[in-house]
């Protein structure tokens, strides 16, 4: 059977999220943590922390010119979708930087 079970999917996403983070592929790490959050019925803080840390690190790459405005717009969407209490302060920081640097979100 080619169908992946939920446990296998969570394990695979954990590997992707953590391995991508460890090699500084923060955008892809954030996308994997987003998927983990969507699957997480227990609302694990670990998945939120992974998403938050990945988004903040990917934002740093945008600031350094290593990632694009397209990635930044997607990061904003990920934070908005996560709907976590910490999201708002991160979003304000990203939005302020985007305004100051002429980046359209």
PDB file of N, CA and C in Angstrom:
ATOM      1  N   UNK A   1       0.847  -1.175   0.000  1.00  0.00           N
ATOM      2  CA  UNK A   1       0.000   0.000   0.000  1.00  0.00           C
ATOM      3  C   UNK A   1       0.893   1.239   0.000  1.00  0.00           C
ATOM      4  N   UNK A   2       0.667   2.145  -0.938  1.00  0.00           N
ATOM      5  CA  UNK A   2       1.489   3.344  -1.074  1.00  0.00           C
ATOM      6  C   UNK A   2       1.035   4.470  -0.158  1.00  0.00           C
ATOM      7  N   UNK A   3      -0.033   4.276   0.527  1.00  0.00           N
ATOM      8  CA  UNK A   3      -0.577   5.326   1.400  1.00  0.00           C
ATOM      9  C   UNK A   3       0.272   5.464   2.669  1.00  0.00           C
ATOM     10  N   UNK A   4       0.613   6.693   3.006  1.00  0.00           N
ATOM     11  CA  UNK A   4       1.415   6.956   4.202  1.00  0.00           C
ATOM     12  C   UNK A   4       0.471   7.149   5.376  1.00  0.00           C
ATOM     13  N   UNK A   5       0.770   6.462   6.473  1.00  0.00           N
ATOM     14  CA  UNK A   5      -0.020   6.634   7.684  1.00  0.00           C
ATOM     15  C   UNK A   5       0.324   7.943   8.371  1.00  0.00           C
ATOM     16  N   UNK A   6      -0.562   8.414   9.232  1.00  0.00           N
ATOM     17  CA  UNK A   6      -0.361   9.679   9.927  1.00  0.00           C
ATOM     18  C   UNK A   6       0.919   9.678  10.760  1.00  0.00           C
ATOM     19  N   UNK A   7       1.213   8.563  11.416  1.00  0.00           N
ATOM     20  CA  UNK A   7       2.430   8.478  12.229  1.00  0.00           C
ATOM     21  C   UNK A   7       3.670   8.598  11.337  1.00  0.00           C
ATOM     22  N   UNK A   8       3.649   7.908  10.194  1.00  0.00           N
ATOM     23  CA  UNK A   8       4.773   7.995   9.262  1.00  0.00           C
ATOM     24  C   UNK A   8       4.931   9.410   8.707  1.00  0.00           C
ATOM     25  N   UNK A   9       3.817  10.045   8.417  1.00  0.00           N
ATOM     26  CA  UNK A   9       3.850  11.401   7.881  1.00  0.00           C
ATOM     27  C   UNK A   9       4.440  12.373   8.906  1.00  0.00           C
ATOM     28  N   UNK A  10       4.018  12.263  10.151  1.00  0.00           N
ATOM     29  CA  UNK A  10       4.553  13.120  11.205  1.00  0.00           C
ATOM     30  C   UNK A  10       6.052  12.884  11.370  1.00  0.00           C
ATOM     31  N   UNK A  11       6.473  11.643  11.353  1.00  0.00           N
ATOM     32  CA  UNK A  11       7.900  11.328  11.485  1.00  0.00           C
ATOM     33  C   UNK A  11       8.693  11.919  10.317  1.00  0.00           C
ATOM     34  N   UNK A  12       8.177  11.776   9.112  1.00  0.00           N
ATOM     35  CA  UNK A  12       8.851  12.312   7.930  1.00  0.00           C
ATOM     36  C   UNK A  12       8.928  13.835   7.994  1.00  0.00           C
ATOM     37  N   UNK A  13       7.836  14.479   8.364  1.00  0.00           N
ATOM     38  CA  UNK A  13       7.829  15.932   8.474  1.00  0.00           C
ATOM     39  C   UNK A  13       8.797  16.417   9.553  1.00  0.00           C
ATOM     40  N   UNK A  14       8.899  15.673  10.651  1.00  0.00           N
ATOM     41  CA  UNK A  14       9.867  16.026  11.693  1.00  0.00           C
ATOM     42  C   UNK A  14      11.295  15.971  11.171  1.00  0.00           C
ATOM     43  N   UNK A  15      11.600  14.943  10.402  1.00  0.00           N
ATOM     44  CA  UNK A  15      12.938  14.827   9.818  1.00  0.00           C
ATOM     45  C   UNK A  15      13.197  15.998   8.867  1.00  0.00           C
ATOM     46  N   UNK A  16      12.232  16.279   8.003  1.00  0.00           N
ATOM     47  CA  UNK A  16      12.393  17.382   7.048  1.00  0.00           C
ATOM     48  C   UNK A  16      12.576  18.700   7.786  1.00  0.00           C
ATOM     49  N   UNK A  17      11.700  18.966   8.764  1.00  0.00           N
ATOM     50  CA  UNK A  17      11.753  20.234   9.492  1.00  0.00           C
ATOM     51  C   UNK A  17      13.090  20.425  10.190  1.00  0.00           C
ATOM     52  N   UNK A  18      13.530  19.417  10.907  1.00  0.00           N
ATOM     53  CA  UNK A  18      14.760  19.541  11.688  1.00  0.00           C
ATOM     54  C   UNK A  18      16.017  19.497  10.832  1.00  0.00           C
ATOM     55  N   UNK A  19      16.032  18.644   9.813  1.00  0.00           N
ATOM     56  CA  UNK A  19      17.202  18.590   8.931  1.00  0.00           C
ATOM     57  C   UNK A  19      17.346  19.882   8.124  1.00  0.00           C
ATOM     58  N   UNK A  20      16.226  20.396   7.628  1.00  0.00           N
ATOM     59  CA  UNK A  20      16.289  21.655   6.884  1.00  0.00           C
ATOM     60  C   UNK A  20      16.793  22.780   7.783  1.00  0.00           C
ATOM     61  N   UNK A  21      16.323  22.806   9.027  1.00  0.00           N
ATOM     62  CA  UNK A  21      16.790  23.831   9.958  1.00  0.00           C
ATOM     63  C   UNK A  21      18.294  23.700  10.183  1.00  0.00           C
ATOM     64  N   UNK A  22      18.762  22.473  10.350  1.00  0.00           N
ATOM     65  CA  UNK A  22      20.182  22.267  10.668  1.00  0.00           C
ATOM     66  C   UNK A  22      21.114  22.656   9.518  1.00  0.00           C
ATOM     67  N   UNK A  23      20.594  22.695   8.284  1.00  0.00           N
ATOM     68  CA  UNK A  23      21.424  23.112   7.147  1.00  0.00           C
ATOM     69  C   UNK A  23      21.040  24.506   6.643  1.00  0.00           C
ATOM     70  N   UNK A  24      20.356  25.261   7.493  1.00  0.00           N
ATOM     71  CA  UNK A  24      19.981  26.661   7.216  1.00  0.00           C
ATOM     72  C   UNK A  24      18.996  26.826   6.065  1.00  0.00           C
ATOM     73  N   UNK A  25      18.215  25.797   5.782  1.00  0.00           N
ATOM     74  CA  UNK A  25      17.116  25.915   4.810  1.00  0.00           C
ATOM     75  C   UNK A  25      15.853  26.246   5.603  1.00  0.00           C
ATOM     76  N   UNK A  26      15.864  27.467   6.146  1.00  0.00           N
ATOM     77  CA  UNK A  26      14.850  27.845   7.125  1.00  0.00           C
ATOM     78  C   UNK A  26      13.446  27.946   6.532  1.00  0.00           C
ATOM     79  N   UNK A  27      13.339  28.384   5.283  1.00  0.00           N
ATOM     80  CA  UNK A  27      12.019  28.476   4.663  1.00  0.00           C
ATOM     81  C   UNK A  27      11.368  27.100   4.580  1.00  0.00           C
ATOM     82  N   UNK A  28      12.111  26.117   4.123  1.00  0.00           N
ATOM     83  CA  UNK A  28      11.547  24.769   4.001  1.00  0.00           C
ATOM     84  C   UNK A  28      11.289  24.150   5.368  1.00  0.00           C
ATOM     85  N   UNK A  29      12.124  24.487   6.331  1.00  0.00           N
ATOM     86  CA  UNK A  29      11.886  24.058   7.697  1.00  0.00           C
ATOM     87  C   UNK A  29      10.568  24.635   8.206  1.00  0.00           C
ATOM     88  N   UNK A  30      10.339  25.913   7.938  1.00  0.00           N
ATOM     89  CA  UNK A  30       9.089  26.554   8.363  1.00  0.00           C
ATOM     90  C   UNK A  30       7.877  25.888   7.726  1.00  0.00           C
ATOM     91  N   UNK A  31       7.989  25.560   6.451  1.00  0.00           N
ATOM     92  CA  UNK A  31       6.857  24.903   5.774  1.00  0.00           C
ATOM     93  C   UNK A  31       6.573  23.534   6.397  1.00  0.00           C
ATOM     94  N   UNK A  32       7.612  22.799   6.745  1.00  0.00           N
ATOM     95  CA  UNK A  32       7.411  21.491   7.376  1.00  0.00           C
ATOM     96  C   UNK A  32       6.817  21.644   8.782  1.00  0.00           C
ATOM     97  N   UNK A  33       7.293  22.629   9.535  1.00  0.00           N
ATOM     98  CA  UNK A  33       6.711  22.860  10.867  1.00  0.00           C
ATOM     99  C   UNK A  33       5.258  23.310  10.760  1.00  0.00           C
ATOM    100  N   UNK A  34       4.939  24.071   9.724  1.00  0.00           N
ATOM    101  CA  UNK A  34       3.538  24.470   9.505  1.00  0.00           C
ATOM    102  C   UNK A  34       2.673  23.226   9.303  1.00  0.00           C
ATOM    103  N   UNK A  35       3.151  22.296   8.487  1.00  0.00           N
ATOM    104  CA  UNK A  35       2.402  21.054   8.255  1.00  0.00           C
ATOM    105  C   UNK A  35       2.256  20.254   9.545  1.00  0.00           C
ATOM    106  N   UNK A  36       3.304  20.233  10.349  1.00  0.00           N
ATOM    107  CA  UNK A  36       3.228  19.533  11.634  1.00  0.00           C
ATOM    108  C   UNK A  36       2.191  20.175  12.553  1.00  0.00           C
ATOM    109  N   UNK A  37       2.147  21.500  12.568  1.00  0.00           N
ATOM    110  CA  UNK A  37       1.147  22.191  13.383  1.00  0.00           C
ATOM    111  C   UNK A  37      -0.272  21.839  12.939  1.00  0.00           C
ATOM    112  N   UNK A  38      -0.466  21.739  11.640  1.00  0.00           N
ATOM    113  CA  UNK A  38      -1.787  21.398  11.120  1.00  0.00           C
ATOM    114  C   UNK A  38      -2.202  19.988  11.516  1.00  0.00           C
ATOM    115  N   UNK A  39      -1.243  19.089  11.615  1.00  0.00           N
ATOM    116  CA  UNK A  39      -1.538  17.701  11.980  1.00  0.00           C
ATOM    117  C   UNK A  39      -1.601  17.485  13.493  1.00  0.00           C
ATOM    118  N   UNK A  40      -1.111  18.452  14.246  1.00  0.00           N
ATOM    119  CA  UNK A  40      -0.932  18.300  15.690  1.00  0.00           C
ATOM    120  C   UNK A  40      -2.213  18.621  16.450  1.00  0.00           C
ATOM    121  N   UNK A  41      -2.927  17.586  16.840  1.00  0.00           N
ATOM    122  CA  UNK A  41      -4.160  17.786  17.602  1.00  0.00           C
ATOM    123  C   UNK A  41      -3.877  18.128  19.057  1.00  0.00           C
ATOM    124  N   UNK A  42      -2.671  17.837  19.531  1.00  0.00           N
ATOM    125  CA  UNK A  42      -2.306  18.133  20.921  1.00  0.00           C
ATOM    126  C   UNK A  42      -1.767  19.553  21.082  1.00  0.00           C
ATOM    127  N   UNK A  43      -1.574  20.266  19.968  1.00  0.00           N
ATOM    128  CA  UNK A  43      -1.068  21.642  19.970  1.00  0.00           C
ATOM    129  C   UNK A  43       0.271  21.754  20.699  1.00  0.00           C
ATOM    130  N   UNK A  44       1.230  20.985  20.221  1.00  0.00           N
ATOM    131  CA  UNK A  44       2.563  20.931  20.817  1.00  0.00           C
ATOM    132  C   UNK A  44       3.287  22.272  20.688  1.00  0.00           C
ATOM    133  N   UNK A  45       3.852  22.726  21.799  1.00  0.00           N
ATOM    134  CA  UNK A  45       4.662  23.941  21.764  1.00  0.00           C
ATOM    135  C   UNK A  45       5.904  23.749  20.912  1.00  0.00           C
ATOM    136  N   UNK A  46       6.402  22.524  20.837  1.00  0.00           N
ATOM    137  CA  UNK A  46       7.618  22.262  20.062  1.00  0.00           C
ATOM    138  C   UNK A  46       7.418  22.611  18.590  1.00  0.00           C
ATOM    139  N   UNK A  47       6.256  22.297  18.044  1.00  0.00           N
ATOM    140  CA  UNK A  47       5.998  22.603  16.627  1.00  0.00           C
ATOM    141  C   UNK A  47       5.877  24.108  16.422  1.00  0.00           C
ATOM    142  N   UNK A  48       5.223  24.802  17.349  1.00  0.00           N
ATOM    143  CA  UNK A  48       5.145  26.259  17.237  1.00  0.00           C
ATOM    144  C   UNK A  48       6.544  26.868  17.343  1.00  0.00           C
ATOM    145  N   UNK A  49       7.340  26.413  18.311  1.00  0.00           N
ATOM    146  CA  UNK A  49       8.689  26.957  18.471  1.00  0.00           C
ATOM    147  C   UNK A  49       9.535  26.709  17.228  1.00  0.00           C
ATOM    148  N   UNK A  50       9.377  25.530  16.629  1.00  0.00           N
ATOM    149  CA  UNK A  50      10.090  25.241  15.395  1.00  0.00           C
ATOM    150  C   UNK A  50       9.676  26.167  14.273  1.00  0.00           C
ATOM    151  N   UNK A  51       8.361  26.401  14.144  1.00  0.00           N
ATOM    152  CA  UNK A  51       7.868  27.316  13.112  1.00  0.00           C
ATOM    153  C   UNK A  51       8.381  28.724  13.372  1.00  0.00           C
ATOM    154  N   UNK A  52       8.241  29.175  14.605  1.00  0.00           N
ATOM    155  CA  UNK A  52       8.681  30.529  14.967  1.00  0.00           C
ATOM    156  C   UNK A  52      10.171  30.715  14.671  1.00  0.00           C
ATOM    157  N   UNK A  53      10.985  29.790  15.132  1.00  0.00           N
ATOM    158  CA  UNK A  53      12.431  29.916  14.947  1.00  0.00           C
ATOM    159  C   UNK A  53      12.809  29.849  13.468  1.00  0.00           C
ATOM    160  N   UNK A  54      12.124  29.010  12.718  1.00  0.00           N
ATOM    161  CA  UNK A  54      12.390  28.907  11.277  1.00  0.00           C
ATOM    162  C   UNK A  54      11.999  30.182  10.550  1.00  0.00           C
ATOM    163  N   UNK A  55      10.845  30.741  10.897  1.00  0.00           N
ATOM    164  CA  UNK A  55      10.393  31.981  10.263  1.00  0.00           C
ATOM    165  C   UNK A  55      11.347  33.125  10.585  1.00  0.00           C
ATOM    166  N   UNK A  56      11.726  33.260  11.843  1.00  0.00           N
ATOM    167  CA  UNK A  56      12.638  34.338  12.231  1.00  0.00           C
ATOM    168  C   UNK A  56      13.987  34.182  11.528  1.00  0.00           C
ATOM    169  N   UNK A  57      14.474  32.959  11.434  1.00  0.00           N
ATOM    170  CA  UNK A  57      15.757  32.722  10.746  1.00  0.00           C
ATOM    171  C   UNK A  57      15.644  32.979   9.253  1.00  0.00           C
ATOM    172  N   UNK A  58      14.538  32.571   8.640  1.00  0.00           N
ATOM    173  CA  UNK A  58      14.332  32.840   7.211  1.00  0.00           C
ATOM    174  C   UNK A  58      14.195  34.339   6.962  1.00  0.00           C
ATOM    175  N   UNK A  59      13.536  35.043   7.884  1.00  0.00           N
ATOM    176  CA  UNK A  59      13.451  36.500   7.775  1.00  0.00           C
ATOM    177  C   UNK A  59      14.851  37.113   7.795  1.00  0.00           C
ATOM    178  N   UNK A  60      15.708  36.606   8.658  1.00  0.00           N
ATOM    179  CA  UNK A  60      17.098  37.067   8.681  1.00  0.00           C
ATOM    180  C   UNK A  60      17.776  36.861   7.336  1.00  0.00           C
ATOM    181  N   UNK A  61      17.463  35.758   6.677  1.00  0.00           N
ATOM    182  CA  UNK A  61      18.033  35.513   5.351  1.00  0.00           C
ATOM    183  C   UNK A  61      17.483  36.506   4.323  1.00  0.00           C
ATOM    184  N   UNK A  62      16.214  36.883   4.472  1.00  0.00           N
ATOM    185  CA  UNK A  62      15.646  37.909   3.583  1.00  0.00           C
ATOM    186  C   UNK A  62      16.393  39.226   3.796  1.00  0.00           C
ATOM    187  N   UNK A  63      16.571  39.605   5.037  1.00  0.00           N
ATOM    188  CA  UNK A  63      17.280  40.850   5.376  1.00  0.00           C
ATOM    189  C   UNK A  63      18.690  40.832   4.796  1.00  0.00           C
ATOM    190  N   UNK A  64      19.340  39.684   4.841  1.00  0.00           N
ATOM    191  CA  UNK A  64      20.710  39.549   4.318  1.00  0.00           C
ATOM    192  C   UNK A  64      20.768  39.371   2.803  1.00  0.00           C
ATOM    193  N   UNK A  65      19.606  39.347   2.147  1.00  0.00           N
ATOM    194  CA  UNK A  65      19.573  39.194   0.694  1.00  0.00           C
ATOM    195  C   UNK A  65      19.714  37.761   0.218  1.00  0.00           C
ATOM    196  N   UNK A  66      19.573  36.799   1.118  1.00  0.00           N
ATOM    197  CA  UNK A  66      19.723  35.384   0.756  1.00  0.00           C
ATOM    198  C   UNK A  66      18.398  34.724   0.389  1.00  0.00           C
ATOM    199  N   UNK A  67      17.294  35.383   0.722  1.00  0.00           N
ATOM    200  CA  UNK A  67      15.958  34.921   0.343  1.00  0.00           C
ATOM    201  C   UNK A  67      15.215  36.090  -0.277  1.00  0.00           C
ATOM    202  N   UNK A  68      14.087  35.799  -0.917  1.00  0.00           N
ATOM    203  CA  UNK A  68      13.376  36.798  -1.711  1.00  0.00           C
ATOM    204  C   UNK A  68      12.131  37.337  -0.997  1.00  0.00           C
ATOM    205  N   UNK A  69      11.564  38.372  -1.589  1.00  0.00           N
ATOM    206  CA  UNK A  69      10.313  38.942  -1.087  1.00  0.00           C
ATOM    207  C   UNK A  69       9.178  37.934  -1.190  1.00  0.00           C
ATOM    208  N   UNK A  70       9.232  37.056  -2.172  1.00  0.00           N
ATOM    209  CA  UNK A  70       8.206  36.015  -2.312  1.00  0.00           C
ATOM    210  C   UNK A  70       8.209  35.126  -1.067  1.00  0.00           C
ATOM    211  N   UNK A  71       9.397  34.747  -0.624  1.00  0.00           N
ATOM    212  CA  UNK A  71       9.530  33.950   0.596  1.00  0.00           C
ATOM    213  C   UNK A  71       9.005  34.738   1.782  1.00  0.00           C
ATOM    214  N   UNK A  72       9.330  36.022   1.856  1.00  0.00           N
ATOM    215  CA  UNK A  72       8.869  36.843   2.974  1.00  0.00           C
ATOM    216  C   UNK A  72       7.349  36.894   3.033  1.00  0.00           C
ATOM    217  N   UNK A  73       6.716  37.054   1.891  1.00  0.00           N
ATOM    218  CA  UNK A  73       5.245  37.069   1.865  1.00  0.00           C
ATOM    219  C   UNK A  73       4.678  35.749   2.355  1.00  0.00           C
ATOM    220  N   UNK A  74       5.300  34.652   1.998  1.00  0.00           N
ATOM    221  CA  UNK A  74       4.826  33.347   2.466  1.00  0.00           C
ATOM    222  C   UNK A  74       5.059  33.182   3.966  1.00  0.00           C
ATOM    223  N   UNK A  75       6.161  33.705   4.470  1.00  0.00           N
ATOM    224  CA  UNK A  75       6.419  33.650   5.904  1.00  0.00           C
ATOM    225  C   UNK A  75       5.336  34.396   6.676  1.00  0.00           C
ATOM    226  N   UNK A  76       4.938  35.538   6.162  1.00  0.00           N
ATOM    227  CA  UNK A  76       3.859  36.311   6.785  1.00  0.00           C
ATOM    228  C   UNK A  76       2.587  35.484   6.812  1.00  0.00           C
ATOM    229  N   UNK A  77       2.288  34.818   5.705  1.00  0.00           N
ATOM    230  CA  UNK A  77       1.090  33.980   5.638  1.00  0.00           C
ATOM    231  C   UNK A  77       1.165  32.845   6.664  1.00  0.00           C
ATOM    232  N   UNK A  78       2.336  32.237   6.806  1.00  0.00           N
ATOM    233  CA  UNK A  78       2.499  31.154   7.778  1.00  0.00           C
ATOM    234  C   UNK A  78       2.242  31.639   9.205  1.00  0.00           C
ATOM    235  N   UNK A  79       2.755  32.826   9.520  1.00  0.00           N
ATOM    236  CA  UNK A  79       2.537  33.374  10.859  1.00  0.00           C
ATOM    237  C   UNK A  79       1.072  33.715  11.096  1.00  0.00           C
ATOM    238  N   UNK A  80       0.442  34.293  10.094  1.00  0.00           N
ATOM    239  CA  UNK A  80      -0.977  34.639  10.230  1.00  0.00           C
ATOM    240  C   UNK A  80      -1.814  33.379  10.427  1.00  0.00           C
ATOM    241  N   UNK A  81      -1.493  32.358   9.681  1.00  0.00           N
ATOM    242  CA  UNK A  81      -2.238  31.099   9.752  1.00  0.00           C
ATOM    243  C   UNK A  81      -2.022  30.393  11.097  1.00  0.00           C
ATOM    244  N   UNK A  82      -0.821  30.519  11.662  1.00  0.00           N
ATOM    245  CA  UNK A  82      -0.514  29.861  12.926  1.00  0.00           C
ATOM    246  C   UNK A  82      -1.364  30.417  14.063  1.00  0.00           C
ATOM    247  N   UNK A  83      -1.711  31.690  13.981  1.00  0.00           N
ATOM    248  CA  UNK A  83      -2.604  32.317  14.955  1.00  0.00           C
ATOM    249  C   UNK A  83      -2.148  32.060  16.395  1.00  0.00           C
ATOM    250  N   UNK A  84      -0.887  32.335  16.654  1.00  0.00           N
ATOM    251  CA  UNK A  84      -0.308  32.156  17.989  1.00  0.00           C
ATOM    252  C   UNK A  84      -0.109  33.532  18.617  1.00  0.00           C
ATOM    253  N   UNK A  85      -0.104  33.586  19.933  1.00  0.00           N
ATOM    254  CA  UNK A  85       0.037  34.877  20.616  1.00  0.00           C
ATOM    255  C   UNK A  85       1.345  35.581  20.262  1.00  0.00           C
ATOM    256  N   UNK A  86       2.389  34.841  19.977  1.00  0.00           N
ATOM    257  CA  UNK A  86       3.677  35.438  19.624  1.00  0.00           C
ATOM    258  C   UNK A  86       3.732  35.906  18.173  1.00  0.00           C
ATOM    259  N   UNK A  87       2.822  35.433  17.355  1.00  0.00           N
ATOM    260  CA  UNK A  87       2.845  35.768  15.924  1.00  0.00           C
ATOM    261  C   UNK A  87       2.779  37.261  15.679  1.00  0.00           C
ATOM    262  N   UNK A  88       1.951  37.941  16.426  1.00  0.00           N
ATOM    263  CA  UNK A  88       1.704  39.366  16.184  1.00  0.00           C
ATOM    264  C   UNK A  88       2.970  40.203  16.313  1.00  0.00           C
ATOM    265  N   UNK A  89       3.779  39.964  17.332  1.00  0.00           N
ATOM    266  CA  UNK A  89       4.993  40.777  17.494  1.00  0.00           C
ATOM    267  C   UNK A  89       6.001  40.488  16.372  1.00  0.00           C
ATOM    268  N   UNK A  90       6.078  39.247  15.948  1.00  0.00           N
ATOM    269  CA  UNK A  90       6.978  38.905  14.839  1.00  0.00           C
ATOM    270  C   UNK A  90       6.480  39.558  13.554  1.00  0.00           C
ATOM    271  N   UNK A  91       5.167  39.494  13.343  1.00  0.00           N
ATOM    272  CA  UNK A  91       4.576  40.123  12.154  1.00  0.00           C
ATOM    273  C   UNK A  91       4.836  41.626  12.139  1.00  0.00           C
ATOM    274  N   UNK A  92       4.697  42.285  13.272  1.00  0.00           N
ATOM    275  CA  UNK A  92       4.948  43.733  13.337  1.00  0.00           C
ATOM    276  C   UNK A  92       6.394  44.051  12.949  1.00  0.00           C
ATOM    277  N   UNK A  93       7.322  43.243  13.408  1.00  0.00           N
ATOM    278  CA  UNK A  93       8.731  43.452  13.071  1.00  0.00           C
ATOM    279  C   UNK A  93       8.961  43.279  11.569  1.00  0.00           C
ATOM    280  N   UNK A  94       8.407  42.219  11.009  1.00  0.00           N
ATOM    281  CA  UNK A  94       8.563  41.968   9.570  1.00  0.00           C
ATOM    282  C   UNK A  94       7.914  43.085   8.760  1.00  0.00           C
ATOM    283  N   UNK A  95       6.710  43.488   9.138  1.00  0.00           N
ATOM    284  CA  UNK A  95       6.003  44.542   8.408  1.00  0.00           C
ATOM    285  C   UNK A  95       6.747  45.867   8.478  1.00  0.00           C
ATOM    286  N   UNK A  96       7.312  46.199   9.638  1.00  0.00           N
ATOM    287  CA  UNK A  96       8.080  47.442   9.775  1.00  0.00           C
ATOM    288  C   UNK A  96       9.309  47.403   8.877  1.00  0.00           C
ATOM    289  N   UNK A  97      10.013  46.276   8.869  1.00  0.00           N
ATOM    290  CA  UNK A  97      11.193  46.155   8.013  1.00  0.00           C
ATOM    291  C   UNK A  97      10.793  46.279   6.540  1.00  0.00           C
ATOM    292  N   UNK A  98       9.703  45.615   6.170  1.00  0.00           N
ATOM    293  CA  UNK A  98       9.245  45.657   4.768  1.00  0.00           C
ATOM    294  C   UNK A  98       8.910  47.089   4.353  1.00  0.00           C
ATOM    295  N   UNK A  99       8.214  47.829   5.203  1.00  0.00           N
ATOM    296  CA  UNK A  99       7.889  49.232   4.904  1.00  0.00           C
ATOM    297  C   UNK A  99       9.159  50.056   4.721  1.00  0.00           C
ATOM    298  N   UNK A 100      10.101  49.897   5.652  1.00  0.00           N
ATOM    299  CA  UNK A 100      11.339  50.684   5.605  1.00  0.00           C
ATOM    300  C   UNK A 100      12.197  50.343   4.387  1.00  0.00           C
ATOM    301  N   UNK A 101      12.017  49.148   3.851  1.00  0.00           N
ATOM    302  CA  UNK A 101      12.867  48.698   2.742  1.00  0.00           C
ATOM    303  C   UNK A 101      12.114  48.574   1.422  1.00  0.00           C
ATOM    304  N   UNK A 102      10.899  49.091   1.374  1.00  0.00           N
ATOM    305  CA  UNK A 102      10.133  49.114   0.137  1.00  0.00           C
ATOM    306  C   UNK A 102       9.730  47.748  -0.382  1.00  0.00           C
ATOM    307  N   UNK A 103       9.529  46.807   0.533  1.00  0.00           N
ATOM    308  CA  UNK A 103       9.129  45.466   0.150  1.00  0.00           C
ATOM    309  C   UNK A 103       7.619  45.341   0.349  1.00  0.00           C
ATOM    310  N   UNK A 104       6.929  44.997  -0.712  1.00  0.00           N
ATOM    311  CA  UNK A 104       5.480  44.858  -0.643  1.00  0.00           C
ATOM    312  C   UNK A 104       5.099  43.483  -0.118  1.00  0.00           C
ATOM    313  N   UNK A 105       4.284  43.492   0.920  1.00  0.00           N
ATOM    314  CA  UNK A 105       3.789  42.232   1.472  1.00  0.00           C
ATOM    315  C   UNK A 105       2.408  41.993   0.928  1.00  0.00           C
TER     316      UNK A 105
END
